[in-house]
Amino acid sequence: MTHSLPVLPALSRRAVLLGGGAAALSPWLPRARATPAEPKATTLSAAPGRAALLGDDAAETAIWGYDGHVPGPQIRIRQGEALQVVVENRLDQDTTVHWHGIRLPNAMDGVPGLTQAPIRPGERFTYAFAPPDAGTFWYHPHAHSLEQLGRGLAGVLIVEEAEPVPVDRDLVWMLADWRLTRDGRIAAGFGNGMEAAMAGRVGNLVTLNGTIPTGQPVRAGERVRLRLVNAAVARIMALRFEGHHPVVVAVDGQPCDPHEPEGGRLLLGPAMRLDIVVDMQGEAGKRYRVIDDFYDGLSYPLTTLAYESGPPLRAQPPDTPLRLPPNPLPKPDLATAECHELTLEGGMMGGGTMMGMGGMHGMGGGAAWTINGSSMTGDGNAGMPPLFTLRRGRTCVLTIRNRTAWWHPMHIHGFSFRMLSRNGVSVPHRPWSDTVLFAPKDTVECAFVADTPGDWMLHCHVMDHQMAGLMTVLRVA
């Protein structure tokens, strides 16, 4: 199912592709990793910087980035290893860092007003936690999040399995979406009310690891673990790997039954991640396109798999298993579960009219969306009332109904959902997700164990939708 969007102004010959850059050539990885250092400590500075979004031969674009770069530094730690990150704010507005998908103490979750005081300009805050789950995660602001994420503040956090996964290379593709002016600057206009009631701020340039494509070098016969991260503020992506058969091995960092995606299409809403394994069985010296065709009539080549010349690494794919080791997620007890329903409403409907939102109340103006008739706007505020309270350790089954005409990637903080059904049909491959993509009119049933106390946010990760009310709070006590 696709959704149409208006075509935005072209930037240049390169940007006409609407396509993002290639990962820098990564070093060939051995089959075993070096032993990680003792508990990892690092510093991140949220600061202005410049980035070659349009390629090395074009003028750099003024961005906001961690340590002044996009993407921010890639953090890699071993499963269960303690991490301490000192975040310095060198912006002229408040910020925080949310560690997306990580199960961590509530005080480390990075929501201003709800879990911590915002980090003021010139101040710093120390985050400390030990991720219990291996997988692909990421970090981004949760203050002024539409603008800060839209200007480049995002990075990847990789939690490596206790034992190495047998692949030849482990690559990250962090995808980001930008709205640039014709002279290559980030366009103003964050928080446009009309966009907030529709698909959100979809840009006119997609980058991959911070630049436009030059091709991903690969070698025939190798097996690659590719970690896909959608760090866009609103753009949904559907990737097809021409001539290849990617196998999904993890969703939002959590291992699943290895499977080829339905129709060969890897669907990634904002904030979602997919770990795939690709056996490079193409011909040496050839290029194979990776195409994003989510939006009707706006298909474009994201990048290419550029095969080196020379003999293949091996003649046949390795026979090692693709299944990743499970993470220690608490198993929901459906027989004793507490059941709740969430209904998403609002937004622009056909004919340019707003969907009725009677009974709406909330945390401020600018609301276009509701959850169970209430809107919470912005990024997080002190005193946000919980929609309901769960007893610690209790299983919760959530039925979420999207009664809008728009797609919504709904993200829960602090937990992962066990996916049960979509529109009355059991979800295959036993996935867990922290960000569930809803098509218009979808109904999804999912479950989780409320094992960590605190006030936890649940919101749409189309950032315009969150800012315009599609957000609520669940309390675990």
Protein backbone atom coordinates (compact mmCIF):
# COMPACT_ATOMS: atom_id res chain seq x y z
CA MET A 1 0.00 0.00 0.00
CA THR A 2 1.44 3.38 -0.96
CA HIS A 3 0.60 6.97 -0.31
CA SER A 4 0.99 9.93 -2.64
CA LEU A 5 2.78 13.14 -1.80
CA PRO A 6 3.27 16.33 -3.78
CA VAL A 7 6.59 16.59 -5.60
CA LEU A 8 8.85 19.13 -3.91
CA PRO A 9 11.13 21.52 -5.81
CA ALA A 10 14.28 19.99 -7.24
CA LEU A 11 17.64 21.06 -5.82
CA SER A 12 20.10 20.09 -8.47
CA ARG A 13 20.95 17.25 -10.83
CA ARG A 14 22.08 15.21 -7.85
CA ALA A 15 19.13 15.98 -5.63
CA VAL A 16 16.64 15.16 -8.37
CA LEU A 17 17.33 11.56 -7.37
CA LEU A 18 15.72 12.25 -3.99
CA GLY A 19 18.33 9.70 -3.08
CA GLY A 20 20.77 9.30 -0.25
CA GLY A 21 24.45 8.69 -0.19
CA ALA A 22 26.50 5.63 0.29
CA ALA A 23 28.20 4.43 3.39
CA ALA A 24 31.89 5.07 3.36
CA LEU A 25 33.79 1.90 2.47
CA SER A 26 33.98 0.00 5.72
CA PRO A 27 37.02 -2.08 6.56
CA TRP A 28 36.69 -5.81 5.98
CA LEU A 29 35.70 -7.27 9.31
CA PRO A 30 37.17 -10.49 10.72
CA ARG A 31 34.78 -13.21 11.78
CA ALA A 32 35.63 -12.56 15.43
CA ARG A 33 35.61 -9.16 17.12
CA ALA A 34 38.12 -7.76 19.53
CA THR A 35 37.20 -7.91 23.19
CA PRO A 36 35.56 -4.60 24.14
CA ALA A 37 37.05 -2.25 26.66
CA GLU A 38 35.81 -1.94 30.24
CA PRO A 39 32.63 0.12 30.88
CA LYS A 40 32.49 2.68 28.13
CA ALA A 41 32.49 6.42 28.83
CA THR A 42 32.12 9.03 26.12
CA THR A 43 31.02 12.61 25.53
CA LEU A 44 28.58 13.95 22.96
CA SER A 45 28.20 17.63 22.13
CA ALA A 46 25.00 18.82 20.48
CA ALA A 47 26.44 21.61 18.37
CA PRO A 48 26.25 23.44 15.05
CA GLY A 49 28.41 22.04 12.28
CA ARG A 50 28.71 21.62 8.54
CA ALA A 51 28.12 18.53 6.41
CA ALA A 52 28.61 17.55 2.77
CA LEU A 53 25.02 16.41 2.30
CA LEU A 54 25.23 16.96 -1.47
CA GLY A 55 28.62 15.29 -1.89
CA ASP A 56 32.24 16.27 -1.50
CA ASP A 57 32.25 18.47 -4.61
CA ALA A 58 29.31 20.64 -3.41
CA ALA A 59 29.13 23.37 -0.81
CA GLU A 60 28.65 22.12 2.74
CA THR A 61 25.34 22.64 4.52
CA ALA A 62 25.03 24.17 7.98
CA ILE A 63 23.59 21.47 10.26
CA TRP A 64 23.19 20.62 13.92
CA GLY A 65 24.94 17.41 14.86
CA TYR A 66 26.45 15.44 17.70
CA ASP A 67 30.06 16.60 17.81
CA GLY A 68 29.03 18.78 14.86
CA HIS A 69 28.65 15.85 12.44
CA VAL A 70 25.86 13.88 10.74
CA PRO A 71 25.34 11.21 11.66
CA GLY A 72 26.72 11.55 15.17
CA PRO A 73 29.44 9.23 16.47
CA GLN A 74 28.57 5.56 16.21
CA ILE A 75 28.61 4.05 19.69
CA ARG A 76 29.31 0.31 19.94
CA ILE A 77 29.22 -1.61 23.19
CA ARG A 78 28.79 -5.25 24.19
CA GLN A 79 25.45 -6.53 25.50
CA GLY A 80 25.11 -5.77 29.21
CA GLU A 81 28.15 -3.48 29.23
CA ALA A 82 27.74 -0.25 31.21
CA LEU A 83 27.65 2.95 29.18
CA GLN A 84 28.12 6.50 30.44
CA VAL A 85 27.54 9.42 28.09
CA VAL A 86 28.07 13.05 29.08
CA VAL A 87 25.95 15.24 26.79
CA GLU A 88 26.99 18.87 26.37
CA ASN A 89 24.52 21.38 24.92
CA ARG A 90 26.23 23.86 22.59
CA LEU A 91 22.99 24.89 20.91
CA ASP A 92 21.02 28.05 21.67
CA GLN A 93 17.97 26.04 22.80
CA ASP A 94 17.24 23.27 25.30
CA THR A 95 17.95 19.66 24.36
CA THR A 96 17.97 16.10 25.74
CA VAL A 97 18.95 12.69 24.36
CA HIS A 98 16.50 9.82 24.04
CA TRP A 99 18.07 6.37 23.65
CA HIS A 100 15.57 4.96 21.22
CA GLY A 101 14.62 1.33 21.78
CA ILE A 102 16.83 0.78 24.82
CA ARG A 103 15.22 -0.73 27.92
CA LEU A 104 16.69 1.49 30.63
CA PRO A 105 15.82 3.25 33.92
CA ASN A 106 13.13 5.89 33.51
CA ALA A 107 15.44 8.70 34.67
CA MET A 108 17.71 8.01 31.66
CA ASP A 109 14.93 8.14 29.02
CA GLY A 110 15.56 11.75 27.95
CA VAL A 111 12.05 13.27 27.94
CA PRO A 112 12.14 16.88 29.21
CA GLY A 113 9.86 17.55 32.15
CA LEU A 114 8.73 13.93 32.32
CA THR A 115 11.97 12.07 33.13
CA GLN A 116 14.56 14.85 33.49
CA ALA A 117 15.04 18.58 33.41
CA PRO A 118 15.99 19.80 29.94
CA ILE A 119 19.67 20.39 29.26
CA ARG A 120 19.94 24.16 28.98
CA PRO A 121 22.38 25.87 26.60
CA GLY A 122 25.87 25.59 28.03
CA GLU A 123 24.91 22.81 30.45
CA ARG A 124 25.55 19.07 30.48
CA PHE A 125 23.81 15.91 31.64
CA THR A 126 25.18 12.41 32.25
CA TYR A 127 23.28 9.36 31.00
CA ALA A 128 24.27 6.01 32.48
CA PHE A 129 22.74 2.61 31.74
CA ALA A 130 23.64 -0.95 30.71
CA PRO A 131 21.60 -2.15 27.71
CA PRO A 132 20.21 -5.63 28.40
CA ASP A 133 19.46 -6.32 24.74
CA ALA A 134 21.80 -6.73 21.80
CA GLY A 135 20.67 -5.01 18.61
CA THR A 136 20.49 -1.88 16.49
CA PHE A 137 19.35 1.23 18.36
CA TRP A 138 19.81 4.96 17.92
CA TYR A 139 19.83 8.24 19.80
CA HIS A 140 18.23 11.62 19.11
CA PRO A 141 16.83 14.67 20.93
CA HIS A 142 13.46 14.74 22.64
CA ALA A 143 13.38 18.52 23.06
CA HIS A 144 12.49 20.72 20.06
CA SER A 145 12.70 17.33 18.40
CA LEU A 146 11.15 18.24 15.04
CA GLU A 147 13.73 20.93 14.34
CA GLN A 148 16.70 19.31 16.08
CA LEU A 149 16.22 15.96 14.34
CA GLY A 150 15.39 17.78 11.09
CA ARG A 151 18.71 19.66 11.31
CA GLY A 152 20.72 16.47 11.81
CA LEU A 153 20.91 15.49 15.48
CA ALA A 154 20.95 11.69 15.40
CA GLY A 155 23.38 8.82 15.86
CA VAL A 156 23.49 5.03 16.01
CA LEU A 157 23.98 2.90 19.11
CA ILE A 158 24.97 -0.70 18.37
CA VAL A 159 24.80 -3.25 21.17
CA GLU A 160 26.82 -6.25 20.04
CA GLU A 161 25.89 -9.83 20.90
CA ALA A 162 27.92 -11.60 23.55
CA GLU A 163 29.30 -13.91 20.85
CA PRO A 164 30.19 -12.68 17.36
CA VAL A 165 27.62 -13.19 14.62
CA PRO A 166 29.24 -15.09 11.71
CA VAL A 167 29.18 -12.55 8.88
CA ASP A 168 31.94 -11.11 6.76
CA ARG A 169 30.97 -7.49 7.36
CA ASP A 170 28.65 -5.58 9.69
CA LEU A 171 27.47 -2.32 8.06
CA VAL A 172 25.15 0.48 9.17
CA TRP A 173 23.01 2.51 6.78
CA MET A 174 21.55 5.48 8.63
CA LEU A 175 18.94 7.05 6.37
CA ALA A 176 17.93 10.68 6.86
CA ASP A 177 15.54 12.99 5.04
CA TRP A 178 16.24 16.69 4.48
CA ARG A 179 14.31 19.63 3.13
CA LEU A 180 16.84 21.88 1.42
CA THR A 181 16.49 25.13 -0.44
CA ARG A 182 17.82 25.49 -3.99
CA ASP A 183 21.12 26.81 -2.63
CA GLY A 184 21.56 23.76 -0.37
CA ARG A 185 20.52 25.22 2.99
CA ILE A 186 18.09 23.57 5.41
CA ALA A 187 14.71 25.16 4.76
CA ALA A 188 12.92 27.02 7.52
CA GLY A 189 9.27 26.38 8.33
CA PHE A 190 9.49 23.65 10.96
CA GLY A 191 6.10 23.06 12.57
CA ASN A 192 3.90 23.98 9.60
CA GLY A 193 0.31 23.37 10.74
CA MET A 194 -0.96 22.02 7.43
CA GLU A 195 1.92 19.54 7.16
CA ALA A 196 1.38 18.50 10.78
CA ALA A 197 -2.21 17.53 9.92
CA MET A 198 -1.06 15.49 6.90
CA ALA A 199 2.11 13.48 6.21
CA GLY A 200 4.53 15.74 8.09
CA ARG A 201 7.73 17.41 6.90
CA VAL A 202 8.85 15.10 4.09
CA GLY A 203 11.99 16.47 2.48
CA ASN A 204 13.48 16.57 -1.02
CA LEU A 205 16.78 14.80 -0.32
CA VAL A 206 17.54 11.45 1.30
CA THR A 207 21.06 10.81 2.54
CA LEU A 208 22.74 7.61 3.62
CA ASN A 209 25.28 8.00 6.40
CA GLY A 210 25.26 11.74 5.85
CA THR A 211 25.73 12.14 2.09
CA ILE A 212 24.32 11.25 -1.34
CA PRO A 213 25.11 7.92 -3.03
CA THR A 214 28.31 6.86 -4.66
CA GLY A 215 27.57 3.15 -4.32
CA GLN A 216 28.19 0.60 -1.58
CA PRO A 217 31.29 -1.46 -2.46
CA VAL A 218 30.68 -5.19 -2.03
CA ARG A 219 32.49 -8.39 -2.95
CA ALA A 220 30.89 -11.37 -4.64
CA GLY A 221 30.37 -14.27 -2.26
CA GLU A 222 30.47 -12.30 0.99
CA ARG A 223 27.74 -12.33 3.63
CA VAL A 224 26.86 -8.87 5.00
CA ARG A 225 24.83 -7.91 8.02
CA LEU A 226 23.22 -4.60 7.11
CA ARG A 227 21.63 -2.48 9.83
CA LEU A 228 19.01 -0.14 8.36
CA VAL A 229 17.97 2.88 10.47
CA ASN A 230 15.30 5.37 9.36
CA ALA A 231 16.20 8.65 11.09
CA ALA A 232 13.81 10.80 9.02
CA VAL A 233 11.35 13.12 10.71
CA ALA A 234 8.47 11.95 8.50
CA ARG A 235 9.53 10.01 5.39
CA ILE A 236 8.47 6.37 5.17
CA MET A 237 10.67 4.13 3.03
CA ALA A 238 10.14 0.82 1.23
CA LEU A 239 13.42 -0.62 -0.02
CA ARG A 240 13.91 -3.23 -2.73
CA PHE A 241 17.31 -4.82 -3.39
CA GLU A 242 17.42 -5.62 -7.10
CA GLY A 243 18.86 -9.05 -7.85
CA HIS A 244 19.23 -9.96 -4.16
CA HIS A 245 17.23 -11.70 -1.44
CA PRO A 246 17.71 -9.92 1.90
CA VAL A 247 16.69 -11.88 4.97
CA VAL A 248 15.27 -9.99 7.94
CA VAL A 249 16.88 -11.21 11.18
CA ALA A 250 15.86 -8.45 13.60
CA VAL A 251 13.15 -5.78 13.87
CA ASP A 252 13.84 -2.65 15.97
CA GLY A 253 16.90 -4.39 17.40
CA GLN A 254 15.02 -7.50 18.53
CA PRO A 255 15.73 -10.87 16.85
CA CYS A 256 12.89 -12.48 14.88
CA ASP A 257 12.38 -15.62 12.82
CA PRO A 258 14.67 -15.11 9.78
CA HIS A 259 12.50 -14.43 6.74
CA GLU A 260 12.45 -12.71 3.39
CA PRO A 261 10.21 -9.61 3.45
CA GLU A 262 6.79 -9.88 1.85
CA GLY A 263 7.09 -9.02 -1.83
CA GLY A 264 10.80 -8.33 -1.34
CA ARG A 265 9.93 -4.92 0.16
CA LEU A 266 11.57 -3.68 3.38
CA LEU A 267 9.13 -1.22 4.98
CA LEU A 268 10.73 1.35 7.31
CA GLY A 269 8.74 4.07 9.02
CA PRO A 270 10.54 6.88 10.85
CA ALA A 271 12.56 5.55 13.82
CA MET A 272 12.26 1.91 12.70
CA ARG A 273 15.25 -0.38 12.23
CA LEU A 274 15.71 -3.62 10.35
CA ASP A 275 18.73 -5.90 10.53
CA ILE A 276 19.07 -7.86 7.32
CA VAL A 277 21.55 -10.42 6.07
CA VAL A 278 22.45 -10.23 2.39
CA ASP A 279 24.47 -12.88 0.59
CA MET A 280 26.22 -11.05 -2.23
CA GLN A 281 25.55 -13.40 -5.14
CA GLY A 282 25.70 -10.81 -7.93
CA GLU A 283 28.22 -10.66 -10.74
CA ALA A 284 31.65 -9.16 -10.19
CA GLY A 285 31.95 -5.68 -11.67
CA LYS A 286 28.19 -5.07 -11.88
CA ARG A 287 25.96 -2.63 -9.98
CA TYR A 288 22.56 -3.48 -8.51
CA ARG A 289 20.14 -0.78 -7.45
CA VAL A 290 18.51 -0.37 -4.05
CA ILE A 291 15.20 1.37 -4.77
CA ASP A 292 12.80 3.20 -2.44
CA ASP A 293 9.31 3.01 -3.92
CA PHE A 294 7.01 3.80 -0.99
CA TYR A 295 5.35 6.93 -2.41
CA ASP A 296 3.19 6.60 -5.52
CA GLY A 297 5.03 7.85 -8.59
CA LEU A 298 8.13 8.91 -6.62
CA SER A 299 10.33 5.84 -6.84
CA TYR A 300 14.06 6.62 -6.81
CA PRO A 301 17.37 4.73 -6.52
CA LEU A 302 18.66 5.11 -2.99
CA THR A 303 22.08 3.67 -3.80
CA THR A 304 23.72 0.73 -5.58
CA LEU A 305 25.55 -2.40 -4.54
CA ALA A 306 28.77 -1.94 -6.48
CA TYR A 307 30.55 -5.26 -6.97
CA GLU A 308 34.32 -5.28 -7.09
CA SER A 309 36.10 -7.04 -9.90
CA GLY A 310 37.86 -10.26 -9.13
CA PRO A 311 37.01 -13.71 -7.88
CA PRO A 312 34.25 -14.25 -5.31
CA LEU A 313 35.05 -14.67 -1.65
CA ARG A 314 33.29 -18.04 -1.77
CA ALA A 315 31.36 -19.96 -4.41
CA GLN A 316 28.27 -20.67 -2.32
CA PRO A 317 26.62 -18.84 0.61
CA PRO A 318 27.91 -20.02 3.98
CA ASP A 319 25.83 -22.64 5.76
CA THR A 320 25.99 -20.90 9.14
CA PRO A 321 22.57 -20.18 10.69
CA LEU A 322 20.96 -16.78 10.24
CA ARG A 323 19.00 -16.77 13.51
CA LEU A 324 20.29 -14.31 16.10
CA PRO A 325 20.42 -15.25 19.78
CA PRO A 326 17.30 -14.12 21.70
CA ASN A 327 17.31 -11.14 24.01
CA PRO A 328 16.14 -11.45 27.65
CA LEU A 329 12.74 -9.84 27.06
CA PRO A 330 10.08 -10.77 29.63
CA LYS A 331 7.43 -12.95 28.04
CA PRO A 332 3.88 -11.57 28.22
CA ASP A 333 1.35 -13.68 30.10
CA LEU A 334 -1.71 -13.21 27.93
CA ALA A 335 -3.97 -15.22 30.26
CA THR A 336 -3.62 -12.67 33.08
CA ALA A 337 -3.07 -9.55 30.97
CA GLU A 338 -4.63 -6.16 31.58
CA CYS A 339 -6.23 -4.94 28.34
CA HIS A 340 -6.38 -1.35 27.10
CA GLU A 341 -7.42 0.30 23.84
CA LEU A 342 -5.93 3.37 22.18
CA THR A 343 -7.72 5.18 19.36
CA LEU A 344 -5.81 7.55 17.07
CA GLU A 345 -7.93 10.31 15.51
CA GLY A 346 -7.56 13.66 13.80
CA GLY A 347 -5.60 15.02 10.89
CA MET A 348 -6.61 16.18 7.46
CA MET A 349 -9.17 14.12 5.60
CA GLY A 350 -10.06 14.03 1.91
CA GLY A 351 -11.32 17.28 0.45
CA GLY A 352 -9.13 19.43 2.69
CA THR A 353 -11.28 19.14 5.81
CA MET A 354 -10.11 18.36 9.33
CA MET A 355 -11.40 15.26 11.04
CA GLY A 356 -13.68 16.08 13.95
CA MET A 357 -11.87 16.08 17.30
CA GLY A 358 -14.63 16.60 19.83
CA GLY A 359 -13.70 16.09 23.46
CA MET A 360 -10.10 17.11 22.86
CA HIS A 361 -8.11 18.58 25.71
CA GLY A 362 -4.41 18.66 26.23
CA MET A 363 -1.15 20.40 27.00
CA GLY A 364 -1.37 23.40 24.71
CA GLY A 365 -2.36 24.79 21.33
CA GLY A 366 -1.56 23.59 17.87
CA ALA A 367 -3.28 20.22 18.29
CA ALA A 368 -4.29 18.27 15.18
CA TRP A 369 -4.37 14.71 16.56
CA THR A 370 -5.77 12.86 19.56
CA ILE A 371 -5.28 9.60 21.43
CA ASN A 372 -8.50 8.55 23.14
CA GLY A 373 -9.83 12.05 22.60
CA SER A 374 -6.90 13.89 24.23
CA SER A 375 -3.92 15.72 22.77
CA MET A 376 -0.50 16.20 24.31
CA THR A 377 1.52 18.62 22.21
CA GLY A 378 5.24 19.35 22.16
CA ASP A 379 8.06 17.11 23.34
CA GLY A 380 7.31 16.46 26.98
CA ASN A 381 6.15 18.51 29.92
CA ALA A 382 6.12 18.34 33.69
CA GLY A 383 2.82 17.07 35.05
CA MET A 384 1.71 15.17 31.95
CA PRO A 385 -1.13 12.95 33.26
CA PRO A 386 -0.92 9.23 32.45
CA LEU A 387 -3.59 7.73 30.25
CA PHE A 388 -3.61 4.72 32.56
CA THR A 389 -1.45 3.10 35.26
CA LEU A 390 -0.09 -0.46 35.12
CA ARG A 391 1.07 -2.46 38.12
CA ARG A 392 4.76 -3.27 37.86
CA GLY A 393 5.33 -6.74 36.44
CA ARG A 394 1.86 -6.93 34.89
CA THR A 395 1.31 -7.89 31.25
CA CYS A 396 -0.50 -5.29 29.18
CA VAL A 397 -2.28 -6.06 25.92
CA LEU A 398 -2.77 -2.91 23.86
CA THR A 399 -5.21 -2.68 20.98
CA ILE A 400 -4.36 0.41 18.94
CA ARG A 401 -6.80 1.63 16.27
CA ASN A 402 -5.77 4.12 13.61
CA ARG A 403 -8.96 5.91 12.60
CA THR A 404 -7.07 8.51 10.56
CA ALA A 405 -6.28 8.76 6.85
CA TRP A 406 -2.51 8.81 7.49
CA TRP A 407 0.37 6.50 8.34
CA HIS A 408 1.73 6.58 11.91
CA PRO A 409 4.88 4.91 13.31
CA MET A 410 3.85 4.60 16.98
CA HIS A 411 6.78 4.35 19.40
CA ILE A 412 6.74 3.24 23.03
CA HIS A 413 9.57 4.32 25.34
CA GLY A 414 11.27 1.85 27.66
CA PHE A 415 9.70 -1.35 26.33
CA SER A 416 9.29 -3.52 23.24
CA PHE A 417 5.92 -4.77 22.04
CA ARG A 418 5.35 -8.41 21.18
CA MET A 419 3.30 -8.16 18.00
CA LEU A 420 0.15 -10.30 18.15
CA SER A 421 -2.20 -9.38 15.30
CA ARG A 422 -2.84 -6.81 12.59
CA ASN A 423 -6.41 -6.30 11.40
CA GLY A 424 -7.40 -9.59 13.03
CA VAL A 425 -4.65 -11.66 11.40
CA SER A 426 -1.77 -13.10 13.46
CA VAL A 427 1.55 -11.36 12.80
CA PRO A 428 4.07 -13.86 11.34
CA HIS A 429 7.74 -14.37 12.30
CA ARG A 430 7.24 -13.50 16.00
CA PRO A 431 8.59 -9.94 15.87
CA TRP A 432 9.05 -7.55 18.75
CA SER A 433 8.92 -3.83 17.96
CA ASP A 434 9.32 -0.53 19.76
CA THR A 435 7.98 1.42 16.74
CA VAL A 436 4.92 -0.04 15.01
CA LEU A 437 3.93 1.34 11.60
CA PHE A 438 0.18 1.80 11.15
CA ALA A 439 -1.37 2.16 7.73
CA PRO A 440 -4.61 4.18 7.54
CA LYS A 441 -7.44 2.36 9.35
CA ASP A 442 -5.13 -0.35 10.74
CA THR A 443 -5.85 -2.04 14.05
CA VAL A 444 -2.88 -3.69 15.80
CA GLU A 445 -2.84 -5.84 18.93
CA CYS A 446 0.41 -6.09 20.86
CA ALA A 447 1.61 -6.99 24.35
CA PHE A 448 4.41 -6.14 26.76
CA VAL A 449 5.38 -6.71 30.38
CA ALA A 450 5.41 -3.48 32.42
CA ASP A 451 8.55 -4.39 34.35
CA THR A 452 10.20 -0.96 34.74
CA PRO A 453 8.53 1.75 36.85
CA GLY A 454 8.05 5.31 35.70
CA ASP A 455 6.08 7.53 33.36
CA TRP A 456 6.71 6.36 29.79
CA MET A 457 5.82 8.19 26.61
CA LEU A 458 3.99 6.64 23.67
CA HIS A 459 3.81 8.78 20.54
CA CYS A 460 3.90 8.95 16.77
CA HIS A 461 7.44 9.26 15.37
CA VAL A 462 6.34 11.44 12.48
CA MET A 463 7.66 14.31 14.54
CA ASP A 464 5.08 16.82 13.27
CA HIS A 465 2.34 14.45 14.48
CA GLN A 466 3.90 14.12 17.92
CA MET A 467 4.30 17.89 18.25
CA ALA A 468 0.65 18.34 17.18
CA GLY A 469 -0.83 16.04 19.80
CA LEU A 470 -0.30 12.38 18.87
CA MET A 471 1.34 11.54 22.17
CA THR A 472 0.36 10.13 25.55
CA VAL A 473 1.88 8.78 28.76
CA LEU A 474 1.64 5.33 30.35
CA ARG A 475 2.55 4.96 34.05
CA VAL A 476 4.08 1.84 35.61
CA ALA A 477 3.97 1.82 39.41
